[in-house]
Amino acid sequence: MWRAPGAAAPRAREELSRSRRAGRGRKRPFAGVRKRGRRVAILAGIAVADVACCKELGKRSRSDNHHDAELLLEQITPGGKRAASQLRQLIDIKDTAHYGFIDISAAQLKRSLRQARHLVEFAEEILRR
């Protein structure tokens, strides 16, 4: 289930950079079409959770269940428990955002973007350590 990748820090920086580029140049990163924006926010949150885990713990979740990554995030101190909570909220709405036919509200999009932004900032802090 868990795998410790070699050279975790360079790979983590590459993934974080990719996630940041997704929102570069926009007043509201990842905003646009609501459903697409929410999908990108969710995927960015998952990617940067891996970044933080790779750098801080030397491993990341390889499970098909994204909720397993929360257990690793919680091990990071300080801030891991809050980051795990943000990731949990994003993952909880993943299937609806990716496969649902119901459009999301502006408030839901705003909340998802805020959660993804928190996870990106958390990963950036980890990389500065």
Protein backbone atom coordinates (compact mmCIF):
# COMPACT_ATOMS: atom_id res chain seq x y z
CA MET A 1 0.00 0.00 0.00
CA TRP A 2 2.76 2.48 0.90
CA ARG A 3 5.92 3.01 -1.08
CA ALA A 4 8.95 5.08 -0.23
CA PRO A 5 10.12 6.65 -3.52
CA GLY A 6 13.77 7.41 -4.09
CA ALA A 7 14.76 11.05 -4.45
CA ALA A 8 11.46 12.21 -2.95
CA ALA A 9 12.29 15.92 -2.68
CA PRO A 10 13.01 16.58 -6.39
CA ARG A 11 9.88 14.68 -7.45
CA ALA A 12 7.84 16.52 -4.81
CA ARG A 13 9.05 19.89 -6.09
CA GLU A 14 8.18 18.91 -9.66
CA GLU A 15 4.62 17.88 -8.68
CA LEU A 16 4.10 21.04 -6.65
CA SER A 17 5.33 23.17 -9.54
CA ARG A 18 2.86 21.43 -11.88
CA SER A 19 -0.01 22.09 -9.46
CA ARG A 20 0.94 25.76 -9.08
CA ARG A 21 1.14 26.24 -12.87
CA ALA A 22 -2.46 25.08 -13.17
CA GLY A 23 -3.57 28.30 -11.47
CA ARG A 24 -0.85 30.74 -12.56
CA GLY A 25 -1.90 34.03 -14.06
CA ARG A 26 -5.43 33.87 -12.76
CA LYS A 27 -6.91 36.13 -10.15
CA ARG A 28 -8.69 33.10 -8.73
CA PRO A 29 -6.57 29.99 -9.36
CA PHE A 30 -8.45 27.06 -10.88
CA ALA A 31 -11.61 29.14 -11.37
CA GLY A 32 -13.47 29.11 -14.64
CA VAL A 33 -16.19 26.67 -15.46
CA ARG A 34 -17.42 25.54 -12.06
CA LYS A 35 -17.28 21.80 -12.56
CA ARG A 36 -13.89 21.89 -14.29
CA GLY A 37 -12.54 24.24 -11.63
CA ARG A 38 -13.64 21.93 -8.88
CA ARG A 39 -12.10 18.91 -10.63
CA VAL A 40 -8.77 20.69 -10.96
CA ALA A 41 -8.91 21.76 -7.31
CA ILE A 42 -9.49 18.16 -6.22
CA LEU A 43 -6.67 16.77 -8.37
CA ALA A 44 -4.30 19.52 -7.23
CA GLY A 45 -5.16 18.76 -3.59
CA ILE A 46 -4.40 15.07 -4.07
CA ALA A 47 -1.13 15.81 -5.89
CA VAL A 48 0.19 18.25 -3.32
CA ALA A 49 -0.74 15.91 -0.47
CA ASP A 50 1.62 13.43 -2.13
CA VAL A 51 4.24 16.19 -2.36
CA ALA A 52 4.08 16.88 1.36
CA CYS A 53 4.20 13.19 2.26
CA CYS A 54 7.11 12.43 -0.07
CA LYS A 55 9.19 15.28 1.28
CA GLU A 56 8.37 14.97 4.97
CA LEU A 57 7.85 11.21 5.35
CA GLY A 58 9.72 9.81 2.35
CA LYS A 59 6.64 7.93 1.17
CA ARG A 60 3.18 8.46 -0.27
CA SER A 61 0.01 6.46 -0.57
CA ARG A 62 -0.14 4.09 -3.53
CA SER A 63 -3.66 2.96 -2.70
CA ASP A 64 -6.58 3.29 -5.09
CA ASN A 65 -8.47 4.83 -2.16
CA HIS A 66 -7.36 8.47 -1.90
CA HIS A 67 -8.58 8.59 1.70
CA ASP A 68 -5.56 6.46 2.66
CA ALA A 69 -3.36 9.51 1.98
CA GLU A 70 -5.09 11.26 4.88
CA LEU A 71 -3.48 8.82 7.31
CA LEU A 72 -0.04 9.83 6.10
CA LEU A 73 -0.80 13.55 6.13
CA GLU A 74 -1.90 13.31 9.75
CA GLN A 75 1.61 12.13 10.67
CA ILE A 76 3.18 15.42 9.55
CA THR A 77 3.64 17.97 12.31
CA PRO A 78 2.79 20.73 12.51
CA GLY A 79 -0.27 21.15 10.32
CA GLY A 80 -0.81 17.61 9.07
CA LYS A 81 -4.15 17.09 10.80
CA ARG A 82 -5.61 20.24 9.27
CA ALA A 83 -4.22 19.33 5.84
CA ALA A 84 -5.72 15.85 6.15
CA SER A 85 -9.09 17.43 6.95
CA GLN A 86 -8.88 19.67 3.86
CA LEU A 87 -7.95 16.68 1.69
CA ARG A 88 -10.79 14.61 3.17
CA GLN A 89 -13.33 17.27 2.24
CA LEU A 90 -12.02 17.45 -1.32
CA ILE A 91 -12.00 13.68 -1.77
CA ASP A 92 -15.51 13.36 -0.33
CA ILE A 93 -16.90 15.29 -3.29
CA LYS A 94 -14.55 13.84 -5.93
CA ASP A 95 -17.01 11.43 -7.56
CA THR A 96 -19.74 14.06 -7.78
CA ALA A 97 -17.35 16.62 -9.22
CA HIS A 98 -15.89 14.22 -11.77
CA TYR A 99 -18.87 12.12 -12.79
CA GLY A 100 -21.99 13.87 -11.51
CA PHE A 101 -24.50 15.58 -13.74
CA ILE A 102 -25.48 18.18 -11.17
CA ASP A 103 -23.74 21.54 -11.46
CA ILE A 104 -22.09 22.87 -8.34
CA SER A 105 -22.78 26.20 -6.70
CA ALA A 106 -20.38 29.12 -6.61
CA ALA A 107 -20.06 28.60 -2.84
CA GLN A 108 -19.09 24.95 -3.32
CA LEU A 109 -16.47 25.93 -5.88
CA LYS A 110 -15.10 28.63 -3.60
CA ARG A 111 -14.82 26.15 -0.72
CA SER A 112 -13.03 23.59 -2.91
CA LEU A 113 -10.58 26.20 -4.19
CA ARG A 114 -9.86 27.35 -0.64
CA GLN A 115 -9.15 23.75 0.44
CA ALA A 116 -6.84 23.16 -2.53
CA ARG A 117 -5.05 26.46 -1.90
CA HIS A 118 -4.49 25.49 1.74
CA LEU A 119 -2.98 22.17 0.65
CA VAL A 120 -0.69 23.89 -1.88
CA GLU A 121 0.50 26.34 0.80
CA PHE A 122 1.02 23.46 3.24
CA ALA A 123 3.16 21.58 0.70
CA GLU A 124 5.17 24.73 -0.06
CA GLU A 125 5.86 25.14 3.66
CA ILE A 126 7.01 21.50 3.86
CA LEU A 127 9.38 22.02 0.94
CA ARG A 128 10.94 25.07 2.62
CA ARG A 129 11.89 23.04 5.71
